[in-house]
Amino acid sequence: MRESKLKYGVEARFEFIEFRVYWHERFNRSDLMDYFGVSQTQASQDLKAYQEIAPDNLVYDGTDKTYRCASGFVPKFLELSPENYLAPLLSMRAGALEPAASWLRSIPPFHVSPTPVRGVAPDILRMIISAVDYAQGIEVLYQSMSSPDPSWRWIEPHAYAFDGFRWHVRAFCLKDDVFKDFLLSRILDVRRDRQPQPAKSSGTQDTDWHSDVTLTIGPHPDLSPAQKRAIQLDYGMNGEGVAQITVQKSMLYYALKRLGLDTDPAARRPQDQQIVLLNRDEIMGSRKW
């Protein structure tokens, strides 16, 4: 939670102090100097200013000449979340973040299960981006799984979506007269001899994109009490063994599939299924696919 309106650079350095001292339990003035490239004088001023705002968050250890996280630490700038620490590891694995650019003091050994590389052509993606940026329609060669061969169609893209494995572009399809998802990797080509056309549709008309569905999940009823408790912790369920996940309606199909909720829970062993959809009738009744 932000305590005051500060210049972005100063606020970022204060957030960095909290990140380092909370996740790594210690902080040195040199950390600011090394990461932000500020002078020793500026680092000292930042540290002094931070301690004036949060006097109870840091404890100086004279033996190691370092600041440690106080037992009553309450962040003023950092939003505490496991993702603060874990998300940079995923970004490094994806090649989107250099280790030196992360706020981590050191990079721990870690592994991310590999997923197939999706063949999105940069030049095609560039044209899709342009169509989204300038609200234009473009003609693409798309391979749908509902037909044996690819076909040309005009689409008017307005947004992007990631289903956990693949990137999609959300667009109005003039061929099918409906808003739908198109896998970027299945857009094989863009008609380059035709000028993009001003889009006749608007992303504001895509009701499924702007609508949410709430999935209510719980542990599989046939698990043991101990197993149920473990699943409750895994999914952040409340004391009654229930958690709610808000999903964009346009991505419902992919969310159910990724969570293993798209099939009858009786089709798999409880140890494999682990969670069930408690409002299954409500959700499945809203399916259009």
C-alpha atoms as a PDB file:
ATOM      1  CA  MET A   1       0.000   0.000   0.000  1.00  0.00           C
ATOM      2  CA  ARG A   2       1.427   3.343  -1.023  1.00  0.00           C
ATOM      3  CA  GLU A   3       1.919   5.704   1.901  1.00  0.00           C
ATOM      4  CA  SER A   4       2.455   8.934  -0.015  1.00  0.00           C
ATOM      5  CA  LYS A   5       2.871  10.398  -3.452  1.00  0.00           C
ATOM      6  CA  LEU A   6       6.562  10.204  -4.232  1.00  0.00           C
ATOM      7  CA  LYS A   7       8.568  10.492  -7.388  1.00  0.00           C
ATOM      8  CA  TYR A   8       8.538   7.174  -9.240  1.00  0.00           C
ATOM      9  CA  GLY A   9      12.278   6.632  -8.867  1.00  0.00           C
ATOM     10  CA  VAL A  10      12.224   7.215  -5.119  1.00  0.00           C
ATOM     11  CA  GLU A  11       9.159   5.031  -4.621  1.00  0.00           C
ATOM     12  CA  ALA A  12      10.755   2.254  -6.674  1.00  0.00           C
ATOM     13  CA  ARG A  13      13.859   2.363  -4.477  1.00  0.00           C
ATOM     14  CA  PHE A  14      11.747   2.209  -1.312  1.00  0.00           C
ATOM     15  CA  GLU A  15       9.876  -0.787  -2.728  1.00  0.00           C
ATOM     16  CA  PHE A  16      13.220  -2.382  -3.553  1.00  0.00           C
ATOM     17  CA  ILE A  17      14.387  -1.925   0.038  1.00  0.00           C
ATOM     18  CA  GLU A  18      11.286  -3.723   1.296  1.00  0.00           C
ATOM     19  CA  PHE A  19      11.648  -6.490  -1.283  1.00  0.00           C
ATOM     20  CA  ARG A  20      15.234  -7.240  -0.341  1.00  0.00           C
ATOM     21  CA  VAL A  21      14.784  -7.037   3.410  1.00  0.00           C
ATOM     22  CA  TYR A  22      11.560  -9.102   3.403  1.00  0.00           C
ATOM     23  CA  TRP A  23      12.474 -11.895   0.996  1.00  0.00           C
ATOM     24  CA  HIS A  24      16.206 -12.028   1.710  1.00  0.00           C
ATOM     25  CA  GLU A  25      16.077 -10.865   5.340  1.00  0.00           C
ATOM     26  CA  ARG A  26      18.799  -8.281   4.951  1.00  0.00           C
ATOM     27  CA  PHE A  27      19.567  -5.078   3.125  1.00  0.00           C
ATOM     28  CA  ASN A  28      22.682  -2.994   2.607  1.00  0.00           C
ATOM     29  CA  ARG A  29      23.110   0.508   1.295  1.00  0.00           C
ATOM     30  CA  SER A  30      25.286  -0.965  -1.455  1.00  0.00           C
ATOM     31  CA  ASP A  31      22.256  -2.863  -2.758  1.00  0.00           C
ATOM     32  CA  LEU A  32      20.711   0.437  -3.857  1.00  0.00           C
ATOM     33  CA  MET A  33      23.988   1.632  -5.312  1.00  0.00           C
ATOM     34  CA  ASP A  34      24.552  -1.560  -7.328  1.00  0.00           C
ATOM     35  CA  TYR A  35      21.042  -1.987  -8.672  1.00  0.00           C
ATOM     36  CA  PHE A  36      19.988   1.608  -9.345  1.00  0.00           C
ATOM     37  CA  GLY A  37      23.411   3.058 -10.006  1.00  0.00           C
ATOM     38  CA  VAL A  38      22.947   5.849  -7.458  1.00  0.00           C
ATOM     39  CA  SER A  39      25.735   7.453  -5.504  1.00  0.00           C
ATOM     40  CA  GLN A  40      26.617   6.564  -1.934  1.00  0.00           C
ATOM     41  CA  THR A  41      25.186   9.916  -0.832  1.00  0.00           C
ATOM     42  CA  GLN A  42      21.881   9.265  -2.624  1.00  0.00           C
ATOM     43  CA  ALA A  43      21.651   5.737  -1.220  1.00  0.00           C
ATOM     44  CA  SER A  44      22.184   7.081   2.301  1.00  0.00           C
ATOM     45  CA  GLN A  45      19.513   9.728   1.766  1.00  0.00           C
ATOM     46  CA  ASP A  46      17.074   7.101   0.472  1.00  0.00           C
ATOM     47  CA  LEU A  47      17.705   4.847   3.438  1.00  0.00           C
ATOM     48  CA  LYS A  48      17.259   7.696   5.900  1.00  0.00           C
ATOM     49  CA  ALA A  49      14.057   8.845   4.194  1.00  0.00           C
ATOM     50  CA  TYR A  50      12.662   5.306   4.191  1.00  0.00           C
ATOM     51  CA  GLN A  51      13.363   4.872   7.904  1.00  0.00           C
ATOM     52  CA  GLU A  52      11.494   8.080   8.615  1.00  0.00           C
ATOM     53  CA  ILE A  53       8.436   6.645   6.839  1.00  0.00           C
ATOM     54  CA  ALA A  54       8.779   3.136   8.291  1.00  0.00           C
ATOM     55  CA  PRO A  55      10.850   3.405  11.487  1.00  0.00           C
ATOM     56  CA  ASP A  56       9.897  -0.074  12.740  1.00  0.00           C
ATOM     57  CA  ASN A  57      10.685  -2.112   9.618  1.00  0.00           C
ATOM     58  CA  LEU A  58      14.482  -2.292   9.735  1.00  0.00           C
ATOM     59  CA  VAL A  59      16.839  -3.371  12.487  1.00  0.00           C
ATOM     60  CA  TYR A  60      20.543  -2.612  12.157  1.00  0.00           C
ATOM     61  CA  ASP A  61      22.885  -5.527  12.840  1.00  0.00           C
ATOM     62  CA  GLY A  62      26.191  -4.001  13.934  1.00  0.00           C
ATOM     63  CA  THR A  63      28.018  -7.338  13.735  1.00  0.00           C
ATOM     64  CA  ASP A  64      27.317  -7.882  10.055  1.00  0.00           C
ATOM     65  CA  LYS A  65      26.878  -4.177   9.331  1.00  0.00           C
ATOM     66  CA  THR A  66      23.580  -4.823   7.602  1.00  0.00           C
ATOM     67  CA  TYR A  67      19.903  -4.040   8.065  1.00  0.00           C
ATOM     68  CA  ARG A  68      17.601  -6.935   8.862  1.00  0.00           C
ATOM     69  CA  CYS A  69      13.858  -7.411   8.675  1.00  0.00           C
ATOM     70  CA  ALA A  70      12.211  -6.412  11.943  1.00  0.00           C
ATOM     71  CA  SER A  71       9.798  -8.844  13.559  1.00  0.00           C
ATOM     72  CA  GLY A  72       7.004  -6.315  13.219  1.00  0.00           C
ATOM     73  CA  PHE A  73       7.726  -5.542   9.575  1.00  0.00           C
ATOM     74  CA  VAL A  74       4.758  -3.973   7.784  1.00  0.00           C
ATOM     75  CA  PRO A  75       5.403  -3.028   4.135  1.00  0.00           C
ATOM     76  CA  LYS A  76       4.586   0.518   3.085  1.00  0.00           C
ATOM     77  CA  PHE A  77       5.321   0.165  -0.625  1.00  0.00           C
ATOM     78  CA  LEU A  78       5.609  -3.547  -1.435  1.00  0.00           C
ATOM     79  CA  GLU A  79       2.477  -5.588  -2.111  1.00  0.00           C
ATOM     80  CA  LEU A  80       3.295  -8.822  -0.318  1.00  0.00           C
ATOM     81  CA  SER A  81       2.625 -11.813  -2.556  1.00  0.00           C
ATOM     82  CA  PRO A  82       4.518 -15.021  -3.326  1.00  0.00           C
ATOM     83  CA  GLU A  83       4.436 -13.864  -6.948  1.00  0.00           C
ATOM     84  CA  ASN A  84       6.838 -11.046  -6.014  1.00  0.00           C
ATOM     85  CA  TYR A  85       9.520 -13.671  -5.625  1.00  0.00           C
ATOM     86  CA  LEU A  86       8.360 -16.491  -7.922  1.00  0.00           C
ATOM     87  CA  ALA A  87       7.204 -14.554 -10.994  1.00  0.00           C
ATOM     88  CA  PRO A  88      10.725 -13.297 -11.862  1.00  0.00           C
ATOM     89  CA  LEU A  89      11.893 -16.925 -11.976  1.00  0.00           C
ATOM     90  CA  LEU A  90       9.248 -17.706 -14.595  1.00  0.00           C
ATOM     91  CA  SER A  91      10.224 -14.618 -16.558  1.00  0.00           C
ATOM     92  CA  MET A  92      13.865 -15.696 -16.514  1.00  0.00           C
ATOM     93  CA  ARG A  93      12.911 -19.153 -17.755  1.00  0.00           C
ATOM     94  CA  ALA A  94      10.944 -17.584 -20.597  1.00  0.00           C
ATOM     95  CA  GLY A  95      13.900 -15.389 -21.527  1.00  0.00           C
ATOM     96  CA  ALA A  96      11.922 -12.221 -20.823  1.00  0.00           C
ATOM     97  CA  LEU A  97      14.051 -11.114 -17.861  1.00  0.00           C
ATOM     98  CA  GLU A  98      17.789 -11.050 -17.339  1.00  0.00           C
ATOM     99  CA  PRO A  99      18.877 -12.236 -13.865  1.00  0.00           C
ATOM    100  CA  ALA A 100      20.676  -8.940 -13.261  1.00  0.00           C
ATOM    101  CA  ALA A 101      17.450  -7.048 -13.938  1.00  0.00           C
ATOM    102  CA  SER A 102      15.494  -8.850 -11.218  1.00  0.00           C
ATOM    103  CA  TRP A 103      15.332  -7.675  -7.620  1.00  0.00           C
ATOM    104  CA  LEU A 104      16.484 -11.046  -6.346  1.00  0.00           C
ATOM    105  CA  ARG A 105      19.717 -10.886  -4.353  1.00  0.00           C
ATOM    106  CA  SER A 106      20.718 -14.283  -5.741  1.00  0.00           C
ATOM    107  CA  ILE A 107      19.137 -16.714  -8.191  1.00  0.00           C
ATOM    108  CA  PRO A 108      18.277 -20.024  -6.515  1.00  0.00           C
ATOM    109  CA  PRO A 109      18.395 -23.323  -8.402  1.00  0.00           C
ATOM    110  CA  PHE A 110      15.004 -23.737 -10.087  1.00  0.00           C
ATOM    111  CA  HIS A 111      13.318 -25.616 -12.896  1.00  0.00           C
ATOM    112  CA  VAL A 112      10.204 -24.869 -14.918  1.00  0.00           C
ATOM    113  CA  SER A 113       8.566 -27.743 -16.772  1.00  0.00           C
ATOM    114  CA  PRO A 114       9.037 -27.043 -20.467  1.00  0.00           C
ATOM    115  CA  THR A 115       6.142 -26.408 -22.816  1.00  0.00           C
ATOM    116  CA  PRO A 116       6.267 -26.692 -26.608  1.00  0.00           C
ATOM    117  CA  VAL A 117       7.535 -23.590 -28.363  1.00  0.00           C
ATOM    118  CA  ARG A 118       4.652 -21.962 -30.205  1.00  0.00           C
ATOM    119  CA  GLY A 119       5.564 -20.941 -33.738  1.00  0.00           C
ATOM    120  CA  VAL A 120       4.315 -17.366 -33.890  1.00  0.00           C
ATOM    121  CA  ALA A 121       5.918 -15.584 -36.842  1.00  0.00           C
ATOM    122  CA  PRO A 122       7.248 -12.155 -35.775  1.00  0.00           C
ATOM    123  CA  ASP A 123       6.123 -10.427 -38.961  1.00  0.00           C
ATOM    124  CA  ILE A 124       2.594 -11.787 -38.603  1.00  0.00           C
ATOM    125  CA  LEU A 125       2.457 -10.777 -34.928  1.00  0.00           C
ATOM    126  CA  ARG A 126       3.641  -7.298 -35.915  1.00  0.00           C
ATOM    127  CA  MET A 127       0.708  -6.909 -38.304  1.00  0.00           C
ATOM    128  CA  ILE A 128      -1.747  -8.183 -35.685  1.00  0.00           C
ATOM    129  CA  ILE A 129      -0.356  -5.642 -33.206  1.00  0.00           C
ATOM    130  CA  SER A 130      -0.835  -2.883 -35.759  1.00  0.00           C
ATOM    131  CA  ALA A 131      -4.435  -3.964 -36.349  1.00  0.00           C
ATOM    132  CA  VAL A 132      -5.150  -3.873 -32.599  1.00  0.00           C
ATOM    133  CA  ASP A 133      -3.386  -0.540 -32.117  1.00  0.00           C
ATOM    134  CA  TYR A 134      -5.221   1.184 -34.968  1.00  0.00           C
ATOM    135  CA  ALA A 135      -8.604  -0.621 -34.801  1.00  0.00           C
ATOM    136  CA  GLN A 136      -8.276  -2.199 -38.220  1.00  0.00           C
ATOM    137  CA  GLY A 137      -9.438  -5.365 -39.907  1.00  0.00           C
ATOM    138  CA  ILE A 138      -6.954  -7.617 -41.710  1.00  0.00           C
ATOM    139  CA  GLU A 139      -7.260 -10.724 -43.835  1.00  0.00           C
ATOM    140  CA  VAL A 140      -5.524 -13.763 -42.374  1.00  0.00           C
ATOM    141  CA  LEU A 141      -4.953 -17.348 -43.430  1.00  0.00           C
ATOM    142  CA  TYR A 142      -6.133 -19.385 -40.470  1.00  0.00           C
ATOM    143  CA  GLN A 143      -6.003 -23.101 -39.760  1.00  0.00           C
ATOM    144  CA  SER A 144      -9.066 -24.038 -37.745  1.00  0.00           C
ATOM    145  CA  MET A 145      -9.459 -27.491 -36.253  1.00  0.00           C
ATOM    146  CA  SER A 146     -13.047 -27.557 -37.542  1.00  0.00           C
ATOM    147  CA  SER A 147     -11.884 -27.709 -41.164  1.00  0.00           C
ATOM    148  CA  PRO A 148      -9.163 -29.788 -42.861  1.00  0.00           C
ATOM    149  CA  ASP A 149      -7.537 -26.904 -44.717  1.00  0.00           C
ATOM    150  CA  PRO A 150      -6.679 -23.303 -43.815  1.00  0.00           C
ATOM    151  CA  SER A 151      -8.913 -20.565 -45.175  1.00  0.00           C
ATOM    152  CA  TRP A 152      -8.684 -16.810 -45.649  1.00  0.00           C
ATOM    153  CA  ARG A 153     -10.906 -14.645 -43.478  1.00  0.00           C
ATOM    154  CA  TRP A 154     -11.180 -11.047 -42.361  1.00  0.00           C
ATOM    155  CA  ILE A 155     -10.797 -10.483 -38.643  1.00  0.00           C
ATOM    156  CA  GLU A 156     -10.903  -7.345 -36.513  1.00  0.00           C
ATOM    157  CA  PRO A 157      -8.627  -7.997 -33.513  1.00  0.00           C
ATOM    158  CA  HIS A 158      -8.949  -5.974 -30.324  1.00  0.00           C
ATOM    159  CA  ALA A 159      -7.181  -7.845 -27.483  1.00  0.00           C
ATOM    160  CA  TYR A 160      -4.828 -10.665 -26.515  1.00  0.00           C
ATOM    161  CA  ALA A 161      -5.292 -13.598 -24.130  1.00  0.00           C
ATOM    162  CA  PHE A 162      -2.991 -16.258 -22.688  1.00  0.00           C
ATOM    163  CA  ASP A 163      -4.518 -19.578 -21.629  1.00  0.00           C
ATOM    164  CA  GLY A 164      -1.503 -20.766 -19.654  1.00  0.00           C
ATOM    165  CA  PHE A 165       0.115 -22.438 -22.656  1.00  0.00           C
ATOM    166  CA  ARG A 166      -0.687 -20.460 -25.792  1.00  0.00           C
ATOM    167  CA  TRP A 167      -1.346 -16.893 -26.877  1.00  0.00           C
ATOM    168  CA  HIS A 168      -4.604 -15.965 -28.593  1.00  0.00           C
ATOM    169  CA  VAL A 169      -5.849 -12.828 -30.265  1.00  0.00           C
ATOM    170  CA  ARG A 170      -9.456 -11.918 -29.565  1.00  0.00           C
ATOM    171  CA  ALA A 171     -11.178 -10.643 -32.684  1.00  0.00           C
ATOM    172  CA  PHE A 172     -14.460 -10.219 -34.514  1.00  0.00           C
ATOM    173  CA  CYS A 173     -14.614 -12.753 -37.332  1.00  0.00           C
ATOM    174  CA  LEU A 174     -16.432 -11.398 -40.367  1.00  0.00           C
ATOM    175  CA  LYS A 175     -16.737 -14.911 -41.781  1.00  0.00           C
ATOM    176  CA  ASP A 176     -18.597 -16.305 -38.760  1.00  0.00           C
ATOM    177  CA  ASP A 177     -20.086 -12.960 -37.665  1.00  0.00           C
ATOM    178  CA  VAL A 178     -19.009 -13.455 -34.053  1.00  0.00           C
ATOM    179  CA  PHE A 179     -16.257 -12.503 -31.604  1.00  0.00           C
ATOM    180  CA  LYS A 180     -13.916 -15.445 -31.024  1.00  0.00           C
ATOM    181  CA  ASP A 181     -10.368 -16.489 -30.160  1.00  0.00           C
ATOM    182  CA  PHE A 182      -7.686 -17.109 -32.747  1.00  0.00           C
ATOM    183  CA  LEU A 183      -4.477 -18.896 -31.819  1.00  0.00           C
ATOM    184  CA  LEU A 184      -1.574 -16.744 -32.931  1.00  0.00           C
ATOM    185  CA  SER A 185       0.396 -19.819 -33.944  1.00  0.00           C
ATOM    186  CA  ARG A 186      -2.388 -20.886 -36.326  1.00  0.00           C
ATOM    187  CA  ILE A 187      -2.409 -17.625 -38.240  1.00  0.00           C
ATOM    188  CA  LEU A 188      -0.290 -18.851 -41.134  1.00  0.00           C
ATOM    189  CA  ASP A 189      -0.173 -15.693 -43.203  1.00  0.00           C
ATOM    190  CA  VAL A 190      -1.583 -12.214 -43.647  1.00  0.00           C
ATOM    191  CA  ARG A 191      -2.768 -10.968 -47.033  1.00  0.00           C
ATOM    192  CA  ARG A 192      -0.142  -8.371 -47.772  1.00  0.00           C
ATOM    193  CA  ASP A 193      -1.549  -7.073 -51.059  1.00  0.00           C
ATOM    194  CA  ARG A 194      -4.687  -5.763 -49.373  1.00  0.00           C
ATOM    195  CA  GLN A 195      -4.775  -2.689 -47.220  1.00  0.00           C
ATOM    196  CA  PRO A 196      -6.108  -3.054 -43.650  1.00  0.00           C
ATOM    197  CA  GLN A 197      -9.671  -1.771 -43.343  1.00  0.00           C
ATOM    198  CA  PRO A 198     -11.097   0.342 -40.513  1.00  0.00           C
ATOM    199  CA  ALA A 199     -12.790  -2.051 -38.108  1.00  0.00           C
ATOM    200  CA  LYS A 200     -16.578  -2.031 -38.212  1.00  0.00           C
ATOM    201  CA  SER A 201     -16.786  -3.691 -34.801  1.00  0.00           C
ATOM    202  CA  SER A 202     -15.547  -2.501 -31.425  1.00  0.00           C
ATOM    203  CA  GLY A 203     -14.053  -4.440 -28.565  1.00  0.00           C
ATOM    204  CA  THR A 204     -16.712  -2.884 -26.342  1.00  0.00           C
ATOM    205  CA  GLN A 205     -19.268  -5.044 -28.198  1.00  0.00           C
ATOM    206  CA  ASP A 206     -17.509  -8.267 -27.207  1.00  0.00           C
ATOM    207  CA  THR A 207     -19.762  -9.184 -24.289  1.00  0.00           C
ATOM    208  CA  ASP A 208     -17.910 -12.402 -23.398  1.00  0.00           C
ATOM    209  CA  TRP A 209     -14.658 -10.438 -23.157  1.00  0.00           C
ATOM    210  CA  HIS A 210     -16.252  -8.012 -20.702  1.00  0.00           C
ATOM    211  CA  SER A 211     -18.155 -10.645 -18.684  1.00  0.00           C
ATOM    212  CA  ASP A 212     -16.861 -12.757 -15.812  1.00  0.00           C
ATOM    213  CA  VAL A 213     -17.816 -16.202 -14.573  1.00  0.00           C
ATOM    214  CA  THR A 214     -17.090 -17.408 -11.032  1.00  0.00           C
ATOM    215  CA  LEU A 215     -15.906 -20.982 -10.600  1.00  0.00           C
ATOM    216  CA  THR A 216     -16.595 -22.383  -7.134  1.00  0.00           C
ATOM    217  CA  ILE A 217     -14.237 -25.260  -6.437  1.00  0.00           C
ATOM    218  CA  GLY A 218     -13.639 -27.664  -3.568  1.00  0.00           C
ATOM    219  CA  PRO A 219     -11.580 -30.802  -2.845  1.00  0.00           C
ATOM    220  CA  HIS A 220     -12.775 -34.012  -4.470  1.00  0.00           C
ATOM    221  CA  PRO A 221     -15.260 -35.536  -1.989  1.00  0.00           C
ATOM    222  CA  ASP A 222     -13.616 -38.967  -2.169  1.00  0.00           C
ATOM    223  CA  LEU A 223     -10.249 -37.766  -0.914  1.00  0.00           C
ATOM    224  CA  SER A 224      -9.206 -38.507   2.667  1.00  0.00           C
ATOM    225  CA  PRO A 225      -9.562 -35.737   5.276  1.00  0.00           C
ATOM    226  CA  ALA A 226      -5.781 -35.185   5.256  1.00  0.00           C
ATOM    227  CA  GLN A 227      -5.710 -35.043   1.456  1.00  0.00           C
ATOM    228  CA  LYS A 228      -8.586 -32.562   1.457  1.00  0.00           C
ATOM    229  CA  ARG A 229      -6.679 -30.310   3.855  1.00  0.00           C
ATOM    230  CA  ALA A 230      -3.670 -30.398   1.539  1.00  0.00           C
ATOM    231  CA  ILE A 231      -5.832 -29.437  -1.451  1.00  0.00           C
ATOM    232  CA  GLN A 232      -7.390 -26.608   0.562  1.00  0.00           C
ATOM    233  CA  LEU A 233      -3.910 -25.199   1.132  1.00  0.00           C
ATOM    234  CA  ASP A 234      -2.898 -25.758  -2.507  1.00  0.00           C
ATOM    235  CA  TYR A 235      -5.807 -23.682  -3.798  1.00  0.00           C
ATOM    236  CA  GLY A 236      -6.152 -21.174  -0.967  1.00  0.00           C
ATOM    237  CA  MET A 237      -9.583 -22.475   0.064  1.00  0.00           C
ATOM    238  CA  ASN A 238     -11.405 -21.175   3.094  1.00  0.00           C
ATOM    239  CA  GLY A 239     -12.125 -23.158   6.249  1.00  0.00           C
ATOM    240  CA  GLU A 240     -15.145 -24.742   4.608  1.00  0.00           C
ATOM    241  CA  GLY A 241     -13.044 -26.087   1.763  1.00  0.00           C
ATOM    242  CA  VAL A 242     -14.263 -23.666  -0.890  1.00  0.00           C
ATOM    243  CA  ALA A 243     -12.443 -21.292  -3.223  1.00  0.00           C
ATOM    244  CA  GLN A 244     -13.770 -19.041  -5.938  1.00  0.00           C
ATOM    245  CA  ILE A 245     -11.919 -18.296  -9.159  1.00  0.00           C
ATOM    246  CA  THR A 246     -13.082 -15.457 -11.380  1.00  0.00           C
ATOM    247  CA  VAL A 247     -12.628 -16.221 -15.060  1.00  0.00           C
ATOM    248  CA  GLN A 248     -13.269 -14.084 -18.095  1.00  0.00           C
ATOM    249  CA  LYS A 249     -16.175 -15.692 -19.936  1.00  0.00           C
ATOM    250  CA  SER A 250     -14.284 -15.656 -23.215  1.00  0.00           C
ATOM    251  CA  MET A 251     -11.569 -17.812 -21.585  1.00  0.00           C
ATOM    252  CA  LEU A 252     -13.887 -20.186 -19.703  1.00  0.00           C
ATOM    253  CA  TYR A 253     -13.203 -23.125 -22.002  1.00  0.00           C
ATOM    254  CA  TYR A 254      -9.449 -22.888 -21.478  1.00  0.00           C
ATOM    255  CA  ALA A 255      -9.718 -22.335 -17.719  1.00  0.00           C
ATOM    256  CA  LEU A 256     -11.874 -25.425 -17.243  1.00  0.00           C
ATOM    257  CA  LYS A 257      -9.536 -27.490 -19.401  1.00  0.00           C
ATOM    258  CA  ARG A 258      -6.416 -26.340 -17.581  1.00  0.00           C
ATOM    259  CA  LEU A 259      -7.941 -27.093 -14.175  1.00  0.00           C
ATOM    260  CA  GLY A 260      -9.214 -30.483 -15.336  1.00  0.00           C
ATOM    261  CA  LEU A 261     -12.809 -29.399 -14.738  1.00  0.00           C
ATOM    262  CA  ASP A 262     -14.023 -29.903 -18.296  1.00  0.00           C
ATOM    263  CA  THR A 263     -14.849 -33.583 -17.784  1.00  0.00           C
ATOM    264  CA  ASP A 264     -17.004 -35.575 -15.376  1.00  0.00           C
ATOM    265  CA  PRO A 265     -15.016 -35.864 -12.109  1.00  0.00           C
ATOM    266  CA  ALA A 266     -16.006 -39.543 -11.928  1.00  0.00           C
ATOM    267  CA  ALA A 267     -13.918 -40.197 -15.051  1.00  0.00           C
ATOM    268  CA  ARG A 268     -10.643 -39.877 -13.117  1.00  0.00           C
ATOM    269  CA  ARG A 269      -9.268 -41.074  -9.782  1.00  0.00           C
ATOM    270  CA  PRO A 270      -9.829 -38.581  -6.935  1.00  0.00           C
ATOM    271  CA  GLN A 271      -6.044 -38.374  -6.450  1.00  0.00           C
ATOM    272  CA  ASP A 272      -5.730 -37.261 -10.075  1.00  0.00           C
ATOM    273  CA  GLN A 273      -8.792 -35.008 -10.255  1.00  0.00           C
ATOM    274  CA  GLN A 274      -8.204 -33.468  -6.793  1.00  0.00           C
ATOM    275  CA  ILE A 275     -10.742 -30.635  -7.200  1.00  0.00           C
ATOM    276  CA  VAL A 276     -14.362 -30.529  -8.323  1.00  0.00           C
ATOM    277  CA  LEU A 277     -16.565 -27.750  -9.656  1.00  0.00           C
ATOM    278  CA  LEU A 278     -19.191 -27.148  -6.984  1.00  0.00           C
ATOM    279  CA  ASN A 279     -21.362 -24.958  -9.227  1.00  0.00           C
ATOM    280  CA  ARG A 280     -21.011 -27.294 -12.200  1.00  0.00           C
ATOM    281  CA  ASP A 281     -24.647 -27.085 -13.326  1.00  0.00           C
ATOM    282  CA  GLU A 282     -24.538 -23.296 -13.372  1.00  0.00           C
ATOM    283  CA  ILE A 283     -21.241 -23.140 -15.263  1.00  0.00           C
ATOM    284  CA  MET A 284     -21.897 -25.901 -17.756  1.00  0.00           C
ATOM    285  CA  GLY A 285     -25.303 -24.407 -18.491  1.00  0.00           C
ATOM    286  CA  SER A 286     -23.574 -21.217 -19.671  1.00  0.00           C
ATOM    287  CA  ARG A 287     -21.298 -23.000 -22.126  1.00  0.00           C
ATOM    288  CA  LYS A 288     -21.589 -22.127 -25.788  1.00  0.00           C
ATOM    289  CA  TRP A 289     -19.071 -24.716 -26.945  1.00  0.00           C
END
